[in-house]
């Protein structure tokens, strides 16, 4: 296991402060604020720790309320809304400086059998034939703004590999479709929650980029303000996040200074294990000195 993966596992291993109250630390990924996938993963872990064994999360819906402060810990308050015969419902509020920055609703279910079907995955190149996102960023070298270069090129807990590489500095307009392989960069434990939390962490990566693609924009452009507004994630089947997963994304619409994107996550064998949807802020702003 790499140091970066261990750091991610430590990040989602929350400190218990009291009954239904947990505290988490932050990891800087270069955005200047807490990464949304981190808050998703930590909130899921907080909720799961108040749920009876044998009940597994099947859906989670979150709203990003305020940007997270990287310098302050996040406290998670869990509200036990319902414990039914088959389903359990939890609400989680993430707090910094006395204010809510994120809210999550999550539903858990006992294991049950029922009708089973899925869509087929697309035919794309294998991850071994693709360059890692981190390698690509390191090759960009001096093109990356100096103030974020060390963070963006640091070792990562997740190995992301784009099927259709995007130039983050000078992206060209293209179809709002992306295919991305990812996996934890090291072996994980067998605990199901660990794999779900790692997938939740990774599921916030690249969705809004898909919505920006038709416009030739990136998160680094000074002419656009980009931020996640909400995030929904549905878990369909068991999986391992330390084995290759294919993230298939598209963006059906952008309007009103918002972009909408959705995704399907498949195992390498073509099993659909999760679905994702997200809306994000894409607000034009005056030119402020070029990209970055």
Protein backbone atom coordinates (compact mmCIF):
# COMPACT_ATOMS: atom_id res chain seq x y z
CA UNK A 1 0.00 0.00 0.00
CA UNK A 2 1.36 3.42 -0.94
CA UNK A 3 1.64 6.28 1.54
CA UNK A 4 -1.00 8.21 -0.44
CA UNK A 5 -3.50 5.34 -0.14
CA UNK A 6 -2.82 5.03 3.59
CA UNK A 7 -3.39 8.77 3.91
CA UNK A 8 -6.76 8.39 2.18
CA UNK A 9 -7.75 5.53 4.48
CA UNK A 10 -6.74 7.62 7.50
CA UNK A 11 -8.78 10.50 6.04
CA UNK A 12 -12.00 8.46 5.98
CA UNK A 13 -11.34 6.82 9.37
CA UNK A 14 -13.23 9.45 11.36
CA UNK A 15 -12.64 10.30 15.00
CA UNK A 16 -15.69 9.62 17.19
CA UNK A 17 -16.40 12.62 19.44
CA UNK A 18 -19.75 11.57 20.92
CA UNK A 19 -22.78 9.47 20.03
CA UNK A 20 -23.67 10.39 16.40
CA UNK A 21 -20.83 12.97 16.19
CA UNK A 22 -17.57 12.45 14.26
CA UNK A 23 -14.63 14.56 13.16
CA UNK A 24 -12.58 14.36 9.96
CA UNK A 25 -9.38 15.91 8.63
CA UNK A 26 -8.74 17.38 5.17
CA UNK A 27 -6.44 16.73 2.22
CA UNK A 28 -5.49 19.48 -0.23
CA UNK A 29 -5.82 18.42 -3.88
CA UNK A 30 -5.08 21.86 -5.32
CA UNK A 31 -8.54 23.43 -5.55
CA UNK A 32 -8.05 25.84 -2.65
CA UNK A 33 -10.98 24.32 -0.78
CA UNK A 34 -12.01 20.93 0.57
CA UNK A 35 -12.51 18.41 -2.25
CA UNK A 36 -16.17 17.43 -2.55
CA UNK A 37 -15.39 13.72 -2.89
CA UNK A 38 -13.65 13.82 0.49
CA UNK A 39 -16.74 15.23 2.22
CA UNK A 40 -18.96 12.67 0.46
CA UNK A 41 -16.77 9.79 1.61
CA UNK A 42 -16.47 11.05 5.18
CA UNK A 43 -20.21 11.72 5.50
CA UNK A 44 -20.95 8.19 4.23
CA UNK A 45 -18.60 6.69 6.82
CA UNK A 46 -20.22 8.75 9.59
CA UNK A 47 -23.70 7.58 8.55
CA UNK A 48 -22.68 3.91 8.18
CA UNK A 49 -21.21 3.85 11.69
CA UNK A 50 -24.68 4.47 13.13
CA UNK A 51 -26.33 1.68 11.09
CA UNK A 52 -26.82 -1.92 12.19
CA UNK A 53 -24.46 -4.49 10.68
CA UNK A 54 -25.88 -6.16 7.58
CA UNK A 55 -27.43 -3.02 6.14
CA UNK A 56 -25.56 -1.60 3.16
CA UNK A 57 -25.84 1.86 1.62
CA UNK A 58 -27.67 1.83 -1.69
CA UNK A 59 -28.16 5.56 -2.30
CA UNK A 60 -26.81 8.86 -1.05
CA UNK A 61 -27.75 12.43 -2.01
CA UNK A 62 -25.68 15.40 -0.93
CA UNK A 63 -25.81 19.19 -1.23
CA UNK A 64 -22.66 21.31 -1.08
CA UNK A 65 -23.69 24.41 0.87
CA UNK A 66 -20.44 26.32 1.47
CA UNK A 67 -16.82 25.85 0.37
CA UNK A 68 -14.87 23.82 2.90
CA UNK A 69 -11.93 25.37 4.76
CA UNK A 70 -8.80 23.21 4.34
CA UNK A 71 -7.34 24.54 7.60
CA UNK A 72 -10.25 23.50 9.84
CA UNK A 73 -11.47 19.98 10.75
CA UNK A 74 -14.99 19.00 9.70
CA UNK A 75 -17.49 17.79 12.30
CA UNK A 76 -20.23 15.42 11.14
CA UNK A 77 -23.57 15.25 12.97
CA UNK A 78 -25.67 12.16 12.17
CA UNK A 79 -29.45 12.24 12.56
CA UNK A 80 -31.02 8.77 12.85
CA UNK A 81 -34.19 9.43 10.86
CA UNK A 82 -35.56 5.90 10.55
CA UNK A 83 -34.75 2.28 11.31
CA UNK A 84 -37.26 0.12 9.47
CA UNK A 85 -37.56 -3.60 8.86
CA UNK A 86 -35.65 -3.43 5.57
CA UNK A 87 -34.37 0.13 5.21
CA UNK A 88 -32.48 2.58 7.40
CA UNK A 89 -32.32 6.33 6.69
CA UNK A 90 -29.71 8.77 7.96
CA UNK A 91 -29.10 12.50 7.55
CA UNK A 92 -25.60 13.90 8.02
CA UNK A 93 -24.66 17.57 8.41
CA UNK A 94 -21.03 18.63 8.01
CA UNK A 95 -20.06 21.65 10.13
CA UNK A 96 -17.14 24.09 10.01
CA UNK A 97 -16.86 27.31 12.02
CA UNK A 98 -20.39 26.77 13.33
CA UNK A 99 -21.97 26.64 9.87
CA UNK A 100 -23.24 23.78 7.72
CA UNK A 101 -21.07 23.26 4.64
CA UNK A 102 -22.65 20.02 3.41
CA UNK A 103 -25.74 17.90 3.97
CA UNK A 104 -26.19 14.22 3.10
CA UNK A 105 -29.20 11.91 3.04
CA UNK A 106 -28.34 8.22 2.83
CA UNK A 107 -30.42 5.05 2.69
CA UNK A 108 -29.28 1.59 3.75
CA UNK A 109 -30.93 -1.77 2.99
CA UNK A 110 -30.66 -5.38 4.06
CA UNK A 111 -29.45 -7.81 1.36
CA UNK A 112 -32.43 -8.89 -0.78
CA UNK A 113 -33.03 -10.71 -4.07
CA UNK A 114 -35.09 -9.37 -6.99
CA UNK A 115 -35.15 -8.79 -10.77
CA UNK A 116 -31.70 -8.08 -12.19
CA UNK A 117 -30.62 -6.26 -15.37
CA UNK A 118 -28.13 -3.62 -16.50
CA UNK A 119 -26.88 -1.65 -19.48
CA UNK A 120 -23.76 -2.86 -21.28
CA UNK A 121 -20.50 -0.93 -20.92
CA UNK A 122 -18.82 0.76 -23.90
CA UNK A 123 -15.84 -0.79 -25.65
CA UNK A 124 -12.77 1.25 -24.65
CA UNK A 125 -9.00 0.68 -24.45
CA UNK A 126 -7.65 -1.17 -21.41
CA UNK A 127 -6.16 0.92 -18.57
CA UNK A 128 -2.71 -0.61 -19.13
CA UNK A 129 -2.67 1.06 -22.56
CA UNK A 130 -3.30 4.53 -21.12
CA UNK A 131 -1.18 7.13 -19.36
CA UNK A 132 -2.06 7.99 -15.78
CA UNK A 133 -3.49 11.44 -15.11
CA UNK A 134 -0.67 12.09 -12.65
CA UNK A 135 2.02 11.29 -15.23
CA UNK A 136 0.35 13.65 -17.69
CA UNK A 137 0.26 16.47 -15.12
CA UNK A 138 3.92 15.96 -14.24
CA UNK A 139 4.86 16.12 -17.93
CA UNK A 140 3.02 19.45 -18.22
CA UNK A 141 5.60 20.85 -15.78
CA UNK A 142 5.91 24.61 -16.11
CA UNK A 143 2.52 25.00 -17.81
CA UNK A 144 0.81 24.41 -14.45
CA UNK A 145 0.37 27.59 -12.37
CA UNK A 146 3.24 27.69 -9.88
CA UNK A 147 1.08 28.15 -6.79
CA UNK A 148 -0.74 24.81 -7.31
CA UNK A 149 1.97 22.82 -9.12
CA UNK A 150 3.34 20.99 -6.02
CA UNK A 151 -0.13 19.88 -4.91
CA UNK A 152 -1.36 18.79 -8.35
CA UNK A 153 1.78 16.74 -9.01
CA UNK A 154 1.98 15.06 -5.58
CA UNK A 155 1.45 11.31 -5.23
CA UNK A 156 -2.23 10.34 -5.38
CA UNK A 157 -4.27 7.63 -3.64
CA UNK A 158 -6.31 7.03 -6.81
CA UNK A 159 -4.82 6.14 -10.19
CA UNK A 160 -6.97 7.90 -12.83
CA UNK A 161 -6.46 7.14 -16.52
CA UNK A 162 -8.41 9.07 -19.15
CA UNK A 163 -9.39 7.30 -22.36
CA UNK A 164 -9.68 10.68 -24.12
CA UNK A 165 -6.97 12.92 -22.57
CA UNK A 166 -7.88 16.56 -21.93
CA UNK A 167 -5.43 19.46 -21.89
CA UNK A 168 -6.33 21.18 -18.63
CA UNK A 169 -4.47 24.38 -19.56
CA UNK A 170 -5.78 24.81 -23.11
CA UNK A 171 -8.75 22.44 -23.63
CA UNK A 172 -10.36 22.23 -27.05
CA UNK A 173 -14.16 22.08 -27.41
CA UNK A 174 -15.41 18.53 -27.72
CA UNK A 175 -18.40 16.26 -27.07
CA UNK A 176 -19.66 16.17 -23.47
CA UNK A 177 -18.58 12.54 -23.01
CA UNK A 178 -15.69 11.09 -20.98
CA UNK A 179 -14.36 7.62 -20.20
CA UNK A 180 -12.07 7.26 -17.21
CA UNK A 181 -10.47 4.21 -15.59
CA UNK A 182 -9.64 4.42 -11.89
CA UNK A 183 -8.61 2.31 -8.91
CA UNK A 184 -6.97 2.79 -5.53
CA UNK A 185 -3.20 2.80 -5.96
CA UNK A 186 -2.72 -0.13 -3.57
CA UNK A 187 -4.54 -3.06 -1.98
CA UNK A 188 -7.44 -2.26 0.37
CA UNK A 189 -8.99 -4.25 3.19
CA UNK A 190 -12.04 -6.44 2.54
CA UNK A 191 -14.42 -4.13 4.46
CA UNK A 192 -17.23 -3.20 2.08
CA UNK A 193 -17.57 0.32 3.50
CA UNK A 194 -13.93 1.06 2.65
CA UNK A 195 -14.52 0.30 -1.04
CA UNK A 196 -17.76 2.29 -1.10
CA UNK A 197 -16.10 5.29 0.57
CA UNK A 198 -13.16 5.19 -1.87
CA UNK A 199 -15.58 5.05 -4.82
CA UNK A 200 -17.54 7.97 -3.35
CA UNK A 201 -14.25 9.89 -3.05
CA UNK A 202 -13.41 9.19 -6.71
CA UNK A 203 -16.92 9.80 -8.04
CA UNK A 204 -16.55 13.60 -7.80
CA UNK A 205 -13.56 13.52 -10.18
CA UNK A 206 -14.23 14.63 -13.75
CA UNK A 207 -18.00 15.07 -13.77
CA UNK A 208 -18.02 18.85 -14.13
CA UNK A 209 -15.09 18.64 -16.52
CA UNK A 210 -17.44 16.69 -18.79
CA UNK A 211 -19.94 19.57 -18.70
CA UNK A 212 -17.18 22.08 -19.48
CA UNK A 213 -15.82 20.18 -22.49
CA UNK A 214 -18.25 21.49 -25.16
CA UNK A 215 -17.19 25.03 -24.25
CA UNK A 216 -13.42 24.51 -24.27
CA UNK A 217 -13.19 25.41 -20.59
CA UNK A 218 -11.49 23.91 -17.54
CA UNK A 219 -11.55 24.44 -13.77
CA UNK A 220 -8.34 26.42 -14.13
CA UNK A 221 -9.77 29.11 -16.40
CA UNK A 222 -10.14 32.50 -14.70
CA UNK A 223 -13.19 33.24 -16.88
CA UNK A 224 -15.37 30.58 -15.23
CA UNK A 225 -16.32 29.88 -11.62
CA UNK A 226 -16.80 26.14 -11.08
CA UNK A 227 -18.11 24.35 -7.97
CA UNK A 228 -20.15 21.25 -7.18
CA UNK A 229 -23.71 22.04 -6.06
CA UNK A 230 -25.10 18.57 -5.40
CA UNK A 231 -24.10 14.94 -5.87
CA UNK A 232 -26.11 11.72 -5.98
CA UNK A 233 -24.65 8.22 -5.90
CA UNK A 234 -26.41 4.87 -6.17
CA UNK A 235 -24.66 1.58 -5.35
CA UNK A 236 -26.00 -1.39 -7.31
CA UNK A 237 -23.63 -4.32 -6.75
CA UNK A 238 -20.53 -5.24 -4.73
CA UNK A 239 -17.12 -4.27 -6.13
CA UNK A 240 -13.53 -3.63 -5.14
CA UNK A 241 -12.13 -0.12 -5.47
CA UNK A 242 -8.57 -1.49 -5.66
CA UNK A 243 -9.43 -3.15 -8.98
CA UNK A 244 -9.96 -1.21 -12.22
CA UNK A 245 -13.33 0.53 -12.57
CA UNK A 246 -14.57 2.31 -15.71
CA UNK A 247 -16.30 5.66 -15.14
CA UNK A 248 -18.51 6.49 -18.16
CA UNK A 249 -19.67 10.13 -18.02
CA UNK A 250 -21.85 12.41 -20.12
CA UNK A 251 -23.38 15.86 -19.73
CA UNK A 252 -26.91 16.13 -21.19
CA UNK A 253 -27.32 19.85 -20.46
CA UNK A 254 -25.84 23.12 -19.23
CA UNK A 255 -27.88 26.27 -18.68
CA UNK A 256 -28.54 28.97 -16.10
CA UNK A 257 -24.86 29.01 -15.06
CA UNK A 258 -25.18 25.34 -14.09
CA UNK A 259 -23.92 22.16 -15.73
CA UNK A 260 -25.44 18.72 -15.27
CA UNK A 261 -23.46 15.49 -15.62
CA UNK A 262 -24.12 11.82 -14.92
CA UNK A 263 -22.05 8.67 -14.88
CA UNK A 264 -22.08 4.89 -14.79
CA UNK A 265 -19.31 2.91 -13.09
CA UNK A 266 -18.48 -0.60 -14.36
CA UNK A 267 -16.03 -3.28 -13.26
CA UNK A 268 -13.47 -4.47 -15.75
CA UNK A 269 -15.74 -7.45 -16.41
CA UNK A 270 -18.56 -5.10 -17.44
CA UNK A 271 -20.69 -5.28 -14.27
CA UNK A 272 -22.50 -2.02 -13.51
CA UNK A 273 -21.79 -1.32 -9.83
CA UNK A 274 -22.78 2.33 -9.33
CA UNK A 275 -24.47 5.34 -10.94
CA UNK A 276 -23.72 9.01 -10.33
CA UNK A 277 -25.37 12.37 -11.07
CA UNK A 278 -24.18 15.87 -10.30
CA UNK A 279 -25.07 19.49 -10.96
CA UNK A 280 -22.41 22.14 -10.64
CA UNK A 281 -21.95 25.88 -10.88
CA UNK A 282 -20.49 27.07 -14.21
CA UNK A 283 -20.70 30.84 -13.77
CA UNK A 284 -18.96 33.13 -16.29
CA UNK A 285 -16.89 35.90 -14.77
CA UNK A 286 -14.73 38.67 -16.20
CA UNK A 287 -11.31 37.79 -17.54
CA UNK A 288 -8.81 37.92 -14.68
CA UNK A 289 -5.44 37.55 -16.28
CA UNK A 290 -5.64 34.35 -18.30
CA UNK A 291 -5.97 30.68 -17.41
CA UNK A 292 -5.26 29.31 -13.98
